[in-house]
């Protein structure tokens, strides 16, 4: 395989490419590197490769012409056609193991390393550049990112690794993280290697490794499981696996007062059977601490008590135990203060209060809210009618993003919106 590196700093790569497995791969002609410095393709005495951006602003922009001439030189050395070319850019497609495997099947690729504030946009229009990103962070230039891509791709080339199976068993190769490793001695600092690995039973070892890999993924990167094809045995084991869950620290609170009516006035709404049932089932499915149904109206409280009695201790629960299990999560409350006090009493600390709504202005991301749930309990407020009243929103510590906020239609039922919010917050973290 040949890798062309377009870079202002070829010396950046000299040490990493001249040691370890990469050095052996070059010596064995498994991979060849060609460097193209844009300064070589300039005409002025100063070898200028950048200039001030049109429109003003800080920093400099890489000139299109030196880069274009470097790419044309690569094409001339490759039968007149530019090999598949990639620009390392924060705007690019996330680079992952799947793309690494895809690129390992190419005979030649080109990696273009940007610098300064970026490259002249017209280069993208003139050449078939694919953009890839190695992460949501900022580097001084594309060289470090190109080096990461180079190593990820090269180690998948036939003959690069000492054992062909090594690359197949590593993290991300099967869509999940890798299992933990142990070596001699059997006991170190009072810690013994797992008995399964010492058993000599290959089936037992394979089963242990698979389950530990799944557990590691569930605990650290559960979002990876959405991209993995898991078998029935994997899924059954994952459901019963020991792991920290975020759901028990989260509560839903369905507010019937104070909420807004169609004209934007503060009003109250009536309890609905569908909301109670569906949100209770969602609370159970995501393992929440509970579902508060908040109403100060005595007649509505009576209806709720009768509903719960039917399903928890009456004939409804006897005929449908699953529904009884879900409705056992429902906690009646007269107002938000009562709900907060109950959570405080249960967890020993005051909960965060999060609002939601189609017209509310977001102040926290789902990822940010997840991180808080590791340390604090929280109550997610759902408004009936036409949304939460201003005095309730004013009490919120944060507002979650509205659902479908860029779409022209954003009028989901509260039970539907609540379930989607839970999935975006918890998913497999639940």
Protein backbone atom coordinates (compact mmCIF):
# COMPACT_ATOMS: atom_id res chain seq x y z
CA UNK A 1 0.00 0.00 0.00
CA UNK A 2 1.14 3.53 -0.76
CA UNK A 3 0.19 6.50 1.42
CA UNK A 4 0.75 10.03 0.14
CA UNK A 5 1.05 12.65 2.89
CA UNK A 6 0.54 16.29 1.90
CA UNK A 7 2.04 18.26 4.77
CA UNK A 8 4.01 21.38 5.58
CA UNK A 9 5.95 19.36 8.19
CA UNK A 10 7.19 16.04 6.75
CA UNK A 11 9.63 15.80 9.66
CA UNK A 12 6.64 15.33 12.00
CA UNK A 13 6.33 11.76 10.73
CA UNK A 14 9.98 10.69 10.76
CA UNK A 15 10.14 9.17 14.25
CA UNK A 16 6.69 7.46 14.40
CA UNK A 17 7.15 5.86 10.98
CA UNK A 18 10.69 4.73 11.74
CA UNK A 19 10.10 2.51 14.75
CA UNK A 20 8.28 -0.63 15.84
CA UNK A 21 5.90 -2.48 13.57
CA UNK A 22 5.67 0.44 11.14
CA UNK A 23 9.41 0.35 10.50
CA UNK A 24 9.22 -3.40 9.84
CA UNK A 25 6.28 -2.92 7.48
CA UNK A 26 8.22 -0.34 5.45
CA UNK A 27 11.27 -2.61 5.35
CA UNK A 28 9.10 -5.51 4.18
CA UNK A 29 7.53 -3.33 1.44
CA UNK A 30 4.07 -3.73 2.96
CA UNK A 31 3.60 0.04 2.98
CA UNK A 32 5.29 2.95 1.24
CA UNK A 33 5.10 6.63 2.23
CA UNK A 34 5.49 9.61 -0.10
CA UNK A 35 5.66 13.17 1.26
CA UNK A 36 4.52 16.24 -0.62
CA UNK A 37 5.29 19.61 0.94
CA UNK A 38 3.10 22.39 -0.51
CA UNK A 39 6.03 24.82 -0.15
CA UNK A 40 7.80 22.94 -2.96
CA UNK A 41 4.92 23.90 -5.28
CA UNK A 42 5.20 27.67 -4.80
CA UNK A 43 6.80 30.24 -7.11
CA UNK A 44 7.68 33.12 -4.80
CA UNK A 45 10.96 33.51 -2.92
CA UNK A 46 9.30 33.16 0.49
CA UNK A 47 7.49 29.94 -0.52
CA UNK A 48 4.17 31.37 0.73
CA UNK A 49 1.48 28.80 1.49
CA UNK A 50 -1.01 30.98 3.40
CA UNK A 51 -2.66 34.40 3.39
CA UNK A 52 -5.14 36.50 5.34
CA UNK A 53 -8.79 35.38 5.14
CA UNK A 54 -11.27 37.36 3.08
CA UNK A 55 -13.76 39.06 5.38
CA UNK A 56 -11.18 39.51 8.11
CA UNK A 57 -10.71 37.54 11.29
CA UNK A 58 -7.85 35.91 13.15
CA UNK A 59 -5.30 33.53 11.69
CA UNK A 60 -4.33 32.64 8.16
CA UNK A 61 -5.80 30.38 5.47
CA UNK A 62 -3.84 27.89 3.38
CA UNK A 63 -3.65 28.93 -0.28
CA UNK A 64 -5.43 26.73 -2.79
CA UNK A 65 -2.75 26.77 -5.52
CA UNK A 66 0.19 25.05 -3.72
CA UNK A 67 -2.16 22.34 -2.46
CA UNK A 68 -3.72 21.90 -5.91
CA UNK A 69 -0.31 21.57 -7.54
CA UNK A 70 0.73 18.99 -4.92
CA UNK A 71 -2.40 16.94 -5.63
CA UNK A 72 -1.78 17.14 -9.40
CA UNK A 73 1.79 15.93 -8.85
CA UNK A 74 0.42 12.94 -6.95
CA UNK A 75 -1.96 12.25 -9.85
CA UNK A 76 0.92 12.33 -12.35
CA UNK A 77 2.76 9.69 -10.33
CA UNK A 78 -0.41 7.55 -10.11
CA UNK A 79 -1.40 6.97 -13.73
CA UNK A 80 -2.91 10.44 -14.08
CA UNK A 81 -5.60 9.98 -11.43
CA UNK A 82 -5.55 11.23 -7.85
CA UNK A 83 -5.77 8.25 -5.47
CA UNK A 84 -8.61 8.36 -3.00
CA UNK A 85 -7.86 11.56 -1.08
CA UNK A 86 -8.82 12.60 2.44
CA UNK A 87 -8.68 15.97 4.13
CA UNK A 88 -8.27 15.76 7.90
CA UNK A 89 -10.94 18.16 9.12
CA UNK A 90 -13.25 18.71 12.14
CA UNK A 91 -16.11 18.86 9.62
CA UNK A 92 -15.40 15.36 8.36
CA UNK A 93 -16.98 11.97 8.78
CA UNK A 94 -15.90 10.41 12.08
CA UNK A 95 -13.02 8.04 11.51
CA UNK A 96 -13.69 4.60 12.99
CA UNK A 97 -12.58 1.00 12.69
CA UNK A 98 -15.05 0.34 9.91
CA UNK A 99 -13.52 3.08 7.75
CA UNK A 100 -10.03 1.86 8.68
CA UNK A 101 -10.92 -1.59 7.31
CA UNK A 102 -12.31 0.01 4.16
CA UNK A 103 -9.14 2.04 3.53
CA UNK A 104 -6.93 -0.98 4.20
CA UNK A 105 -8.40 -2.45 1.01
CA UNK A 106 -7.10 0.47 -1.12
CA UNK A 107 -3.82 0.23 -3.01
CA UNK A 108 -3.07 3.94 -2.54
CA UNK A 109 -4.56 6.80 -0.51
CA UNK A 110 -3.71 10.47 0.02
CA UNK A 111 -3.98 12.29 3.35
CA UNK A 112 -4.00 16.09 3.21
CA UNK A 113 -2.97 17.79 6.46
CA UNK A 114 -4.40 21.25 6.95
CA UNK A 115 -2.83 23.98 9.08
CA UNK A 116 -3.70 27.43 10.41
CA UNK A 117 -7.44 28.25 10.15
CA UNK A 118 -7.96 25.73 7.35
CA UNK A 119 -7.72 25.56 3.57
CA UNK A 120 -9.28 27.70 0.84
CA UNK A 121 -12.76 26.26 0.31
CA UNK A 122 -12.32 26.21 -3.47
CA UNK A 123 -9.90 23.30 -3.19
CA UNK A 124 -12.83 21.15 -2.09
CA UNK A 125 -14.76 22.13 -5.20
CA UNK A 126 -11.83 21.37 -7.53
CA UNK A 127 -10.79 17.97 -6.15
CA UNK A 128 -12.70 14.92 -4.90
CA UNK A 129 -11.61 15.31 -1.28
CA UNK A 130 -13.33 13.24 1.36
CA UNK A 131 -13.22 14.76 4.83
CA UNK A 132 -12.57 12.70 7.94
CA UNK A 133 -12.28 13.67 11.60
CA UNK A 134 -10.50 11.79 14.38
CA UNK A 135 -12.53 13.44 17.14
CA UNK A 136 -14.36 16.48 18.43
CA UNK A 137 -11.30 18.43 19.50
CA UNK A 138 -8.84 20.90 17.98
CA UNK A 139 -5.25 20.10 16.96
CA UNK A 140 -2.48 22.36 15.69
CA UNK A 141 -2.78 20.69 12.31
CA UNK A 142 -3.78 17.55 10.48
CA UNK A 143 -0.48 15.73 10.99
CA UNK A 144 -1.36 14.08 14.31
CA UNK A 145 -4.74 13.04 12.90
CA UNK A 146 -3.12 11.70 9.71
CA UNK A 147 -0.70 9.68 11.81
CA UNK A 148 -3.59 8.12 13.73
CA UNK A 149 -5.35 7.22 10.49
CA UNK A 150 -2.12 5.82 9.03
CA UNK A 151 -1.49 3.52 11.99
CA UNK A 152 -5.12 2.34 12.20
CA UNK A 153 -5.12 1.46 8.49
CA UNK A 154 -1.64 -0.07 8.22
CA UNK A 155 -2.06 -2.49 11.11
CA UNK A 156 -4.94 -4.08 9.18
CA UNK A 157 -2.72 -4.85 6.17
CA UNK A 158 -2.03 -8.59 5.70
CA UNK A 159 1.31 -9.44 7.28
CA UNK A 160 1.57 -6.25 9.40
CA UNK A 161 0.66 -7.88 12.73
CA UNK A 162 2.55 -10.79 14.20
CA UNK A 163 -0.69 -12.75 14.63
CA UNK A 164 -3.47 -12.31 12.12
CA UNK A 165 -6.06 -12.84 14.85
CA UNK A 166 -4.77 -9.92 16.94
CA UNK A 167 -6.48 -7.25 14.86
CA UNK A 168 -9.72 -9.20 14.85
CA UNK A 169 -9.99 -9.37 18.65
CA UNK A 170 -9.22 -5.73 19.45
CA UNK A 171 -11.62 -3.00 20.55
CA UNK A 172 -14.10 -1.89 17.87
CA UNK A 173 -13.19 -4.75 15.52
CA UNK A 174 -16.43 -6.53 16.43
CA UNK A 175 -18.27 -3.29 17.19
CA UNK A 176 -17.62 -3.51 20.94
CA UNK A 177 -14.72 -2.87 23.30
CA UNK A 178 -12.10 -5.52 23.95
CA UNK A 179 -12.08 -7.83 26.97
CA UNK A 180 -9.49 -7.28 29.78
CA UNK A 181 -6.12 -9.03 29.65
CA UNK A 182 -4.03 -10.86 32.28
CA UNK A 183 -0.59 -12.47 32.22
CA UNK A 184 1.89 -14.08 34.65
CA UNK A 185 2.02 -14.37 37.62
CA UNK A 186 -1.36 -15.89 38.44
CA UNK A 187 -1.54 -13.72 41.57
CA UNK A 188 -0.10 -10.22 41.93
CA UNK A 189 -0.48 -7.83 44.90
CA UNK A 190 -3.20 -10.07 46.30
CA UNK A 191 -5.18 -10.00 43.05
CA UNK A 192 -5.71 -13.27 41.21
CA UNK A 193 -6.29 -13.68 37.49
CA UNK A 194 -9.84 -14.89 36.67
CA UNK A 195 -10.27 -18.62 37.12
CA UNK A 196 -11.91 -18.92 33.70
CA UNK A 197 -8.67 -17.84 32.00
CA UNK A 198 -6.66 -20.36 34.03
CA UNK A 199 -9.07 -23.24 33.37
CA UNK A 200 -7.68 -24.36 30.00
CA UNK A 201 -11.28 -24.73 28.82
CA UNK A 202 -11.32 -22.87 25.49
CA UNK A 203 -15.11 -22.64 25.34
CA UNK A 204 -15.21 -21.27 28.88
CA UNK A 205 -12.46 -18.74 28.05
CA UNK A 206 -14.23 -17.59 24.88
CA UNK A 207 -17.50 -17.17 26.79
CA UNK A 208 -15.80 -15.19 29.58
CA UNK A 209 -14.04 -12.91 27.11
CA UNK A 210 -17.22 -12.22 25.17
CA UNK A 211 -19.16 -11.37 28.30
CA UNK A 212 -16.42 -9.16 29.73
CA UNK A 213 -16.22 -7.32 26.41
CA UNK A 214 -19.98 -6.75 26.50
CA UNK A 215 -19.87 -5.58 30.11
CA UNK A 216 -17.02 -3.18 29.38
CA UNK A 217 -18.97 -1.74 26.45
CA UNK A 218 -22.18 -1.41 28.48
CA UNK A 219 -20.34 0.45 31.22
CA UNK A 220 -18.08 2.68 29.15
CA UNK A 221 -19.44 3.04 25.60
CA UNK A 222 -23.03 1.72 25.48
CA UNK A 223 -23.76 3.75 22.34
CA UNK A 224 -21.52 1.32 20.42
CA UNK A 225 -24.07 -1.43 20.95
CA UNK A 226 -26.51 0.39 18.67
CA UNK A 227 -24.12 -0.33 15.79
CA UNK A 228 -23.37 -3.93 16.74
CA UNK A 229 -25.18 -7.05 15.65
CA UNK A 230 -25.59 -8.91 18.93
CA UNK A 231 -26.89 -12.45 19.14
CA UNK A 232 -29.73 -13.55 21.37
CA UNK A 233 -27.33 -15.00 23.95
CA UNK A 234 -25.44 -11.69 24.12
CA UNK A 235 -28.64 -9.69 24.62
CA UNK A 236 -30.00 -12.06 27.26
CA UNK A 237 -26.77 -11.87 29.24
CA UNK A 238 -26.50 -8.08 28.89
CA UNK A 239 -29.97 -7.62 30.39
CA UNK A 240 -28.92 -9.35 33.60
CA UNK A 241 -25.36 -8.02 33.77
CA UNK A 242 -24.19 -6.04 36.80
CA UNK A 243 -23.60 -2.39 35.85
CA UNK A 244 -24.24 1.12 37.08
CA UNK A 245 -27.61 2.40 35.87
CA UNK A 246 -28.58 6.04 35.57
CA UNK A 247 -32.33 5.44 35.53
CA UNK A 248 -32.89 5.03 39.31
CA UNK A 249 -31.71 8.60 39.89
CA UNK A 250 -34.10 10.09 37.35
CA UNK A 251 -37.79 10.87 37.92
CA UNK A 252 -40.51 12.06 35.58
CA UNK A 253 -43.03 14.60 36.82
CA UNK A 254 -46.18 15.02 34.74
CA UNK A 255 -47.58 18.43 35.69
CA UNK A 256 -51.29 19.21 35.38
CA UNK A 257 -50.84 22.57 37.09
CA UNK A 258 -49.53 25.18 36.49
CA UNK A 259 -49.51 24.76 32.70
CA UNK A 260 -50.52 26.90 29.73
CA UNK A 261 -53.74 26.70 27.76
CA UNK A 262 -54.17 27.37 24.04
CA UNK A 263 -54.17 31.15 24.58
CA UNK A 264 -51.02 31.03 26.73
CA UNK A 265 -52.82 31.56 30.03
CA UNK A 266 -51.92 29.65 33.20
CA UNK A 267 -54.46 26.92 33.82
CA UNK A 268 -54.89 23.30 34.93
CA UNK A 269 -55.63 20.14 32.95
CA UNK A 270 -57.38 16.90 33.72
CA UNK A 271 -55.70 13.57 34.31
CA UNK A 272 -55.85 11.18 31.36
CA UNK A 273 -55.72 7.42 31.58
CA UNK A 274 -53.44 7.09 28.55
CA UNK A 275 -50.80 9.48 29.91
CA UNK A 276 -50.63 7.67 33.24
CA UNK A 277 -50.38 4.20 31.70
CA UNK A 278 -47.93 4.99 28.91
CA UNK A 279 -45.56 7.14 30.96
CA UNK A 280 -45.60 4.57 33.78
CA UNK A 281 -44.60 1.89 31.29
CA UNK A 282 -41.81 4.15 29.97
CA UNK A 283 -40.62 4.81 33.54
CA UNK A 284 -40.47 1.06 34.17
CA UNK A 285 -38.78 0.27 30.86
CA UNK A 286 -35.99 2.79 31.53
CA UNK A 287 -35.70 1.88 35.20
CA UNK A 288 -36.62 5.30 36.58
CA UNK A 289 -36.95 6.08 40.26
CA UNK A 290 -40.58 6.94 39.70
CA UNK A 291 -43.25 8.91 37.83
CA UNK A 292 -44.83 11.80 39.72
CA UNK A 293 -48.31 12.74 38.57
CA UNK A 294 -48.71 16.26 39.91
CA UNK A 295 -52.14 17.84 40.42
CA UNK A 296 -53.55 19.90 43.31
CA UNK A 297 -57.16 19.14 42.30
CA UNK A 298 -58.88 16.88 44.84
CA UNK A 299 -61.22 15.32 42.27
CA UNK A 300 -58.26 14.47 40.02
CA UNK A 301 -56.37 12.98 42.97
CA UNK A 302 -59.37 10.80 43.71
CA UNK A 303 -59.47 9.56 40.12
CA UNK A 304 -55.73 8.79 40.28
CA UNK A 305 -56.11 6.90 43.58
CA UNK A 306 -58.92 4.79 42.11
CA UNK A 307 -56.86 4.09 38.99
CA UNK A 308 -53.85 2.96 41.01
CA UNK A 309 -55.97 0.85 43.36
CA UNK A 310 -57.49 -1.00 40.40
CA UNK A 311 -54.08 -1.89 38.98
CA UNK A 312 -51.99 -2.33 42.14
CA UNK A 313 -54.34 -4.23 44.43
CA UNK A 314 -57.47 -4.81 42.37
CA UNK A 315 -58.51 -7.05 39.48
CA UNK A 316 -56.46 -5.12 36.89
CA UNK A 317 -53.16 -6.08 38.45
CA UNK A 318 -54.20 -9.70 38.85
CA UNK A 319 -55.03 -10.04 35.16
CA UNK A 320 -52.07 -7.98 33.93
CA UNK A 321 -49.00 -8.21 36.24
CA UNK A 322 -46.80 -6.32 33.78
CA UNK A 323 -49.10 -3.29 33.93
CA UNK A 324 -49.20 -3.52 37.73
CA UNK A 325 -45.39 -3.50 37.80
CA UNK A 326 -45.32 -0.36 35.65
CA UNK A 327 -48.00 1.55 37.58
CA UNK A 328 -46.23 0.77 40.84
CA UNK A 329 -43.79 3.52 39.73
CA UNK A 330 -46.51 6.20 39.91
CA UNK A 331 -46.26 8.62 42.85
CA UNK A 332 -49.15 11.10 43.38
CA UNK A 333 -48.04 14.64 44.34
CA UNK A 334 -49.99 17.83 45.00
CA UNK A 335 -47.27 20.11 43.62
CA UNK A 336 -43.65 20.19 42.50
CA UNK A 337 -42.42 20.95 46.02
CA UNK A 338 -43.86 17.67 47.27
CA UNK A 339 -42.10 15.76 44.49
CA UNK A 340 -38.78 17.47 45.25
CA UNK A 341 -39.12 16.66 48.96
CA UNK A 342 -39.80 12.98 48.25
CA UNK A 343 -36.72 12.67 46.01
CA UNK A 344 -34.62 14.56 48.57
CA UNK A 345 -35.72 12.17 51.29
CA UNK A 346 -34.99 9.12 49.16
CA UNK A 347 -31.55 10.17 47.87
CA UNK A 348 -30.28 12.42 50.64
CA UNK A 349 -29.66 15.36 48.29
CA UNK A 350 -31.71 17.92 46.43
CA UNK A 351 -32.56 16.85 42.87
CA UNK A 352 -31.79 18.86 39.77
CA UNK A 353 -34.94 20.11 38.06
CA UNK A 354 -34.99 19.87 34.28
CA UNK A 355 -37.64 21.36 32.04
CA UNK A 356 -38.72 20.43 28.55
CA UNK A 357 -41.02 21.77 25.87
CA UNK A 358 -41.40 22.43 22.16
CA UNK A 359 -40.96 26.19 22.62
CA UNK A 360 -38.48 26.17 25.50
CA UNK A 361 -34.94 27.42 24.93
CA UNK A 362 -32.44 24.67 25.64
CA UNK A 363 -29.68 25.28 28.20
CA UNK A 364 -28.22 21.76 28.52
CA UNK A 365 -27.47 18.91 26.13
CA UNK A 366 -28.54 15.32 26.66
CA UNK A 367 -24.90 14.34 27.11
CA UNK A 368 -24.43 17.06 29.73
CA UNK A 369 -27.55 15.89 31.58
CA UNK A 370 -26.28 12.29 31.55
CA UNK A 371 -23.05 13.33 33.21
CA UNK A 372 -24.99 15.09 35.97
CA UNK A 373 -27.05 11.94 36.59
CA UNK A 374 -23.89 10.12 37.66
CA UNK A 375 -23.68 12.48 40.66
CA UNK A 376 -27.17 13.88 41.31
CA UNK A 377 -30.79 12.74 41.18
CA UNK A 378 -32.99 14.74 38.82
CA UNK A 379 -36.65 15.37 38.05
CA UNK A 380 -37.63 15.83 34.41
CA UNK A 381 -40.77 17.95 34.12
CA UNK A 382 -43.37 17.24 31.44
CA UNK A 383 -46.12 19.79 30.87
CA UNK A 384 -49.64 18.88 29.85
CA UNK A 385 -51.89 21.31 27.94
CA UNK A 386 -49.67 23.65 25.93
CA UNK A 387 -46.56 23.42 28.05
CA UNK A 388 -45.10 24.36 31.41
CA UNK A 389 -46.04 27.70 32.94
CA UNK A 390 -43.30 30.39 33.14
CA UNK A 391 -43.07 30.12 36.95
CA UNK A 392 -42.23 26.42 36.61
CA UNK A 393 -39.62 27.01 33.89
CA UNK A 394 -38.07 29.66 36.14
CA UNK A 395 -37.47 27.00 38.79
CA UNK A 396 -35.62 24.69 36.41
CA UNK A 397 -31.88 24.25 36.76
CA UNK A 398 -31.71 23.50 33.03
CA UNK A 399 -33.89 23.02 29.95
CA UNK A 400 -33.40 19.98 27.73
CA UNK A 401 -33.39 20.40 23.94
CA UNK A 402 -36.85 20.41 22.32
CA UNK A 403 -37.63 17.39 20.17
CA UNK A 404 -37.67 17.92 16.39
CA UNK A 405 -36.70 21.54 16.96
CA UNK A 406 -35.61 22.11 13.35
CA UNK A 407 -38.74 20.48 11.91
CA UNK A 408 -41.82 22.50 10.87
CA UNK A 409 -44.12 20.27 12.96
CA UNK A 410 -43.35 19.73 16.64
CA UNK A 411 -46.62 18.75 18.32
CA UNK A 412 -46.06 15.36 19.94
CA UNK A 413 -48.28 14.09 22.72
CA UNK A 414 -46.75 14.39 26.18
CA UNK A 415 -46.50 10.61 26.58
CA UNK A 416 -44.75 10.27 23.22
CA UNK A 417 -42.40 13.19 23.88
CA UNK A 418 -41.62 11.89 27.37
CA UNK A 419 -40.60 8.48 26.04
CA UNK A 420 -38.37 9.99 23.34
CA UNK A 421 -36.72 12.25 25.94
CA UNK A 422 -36.01 9.24 28.13
CA UNK A 423 -34.45 7.34 25.26
CA UNK A 424 -32.20 10.24 24.31
CA UNK A 425 -31.19 10.72 27.92
CA UNK A 426 -30.69 7.09 28.90
CA UNK A 427 -30.84 4.71 25.94
CA UNK A 428 -28.71 1.77 27.00
CA UNK A 429 -27.46 3.84 29.97
CA UNK A 430 -30.89 3.36 31.59
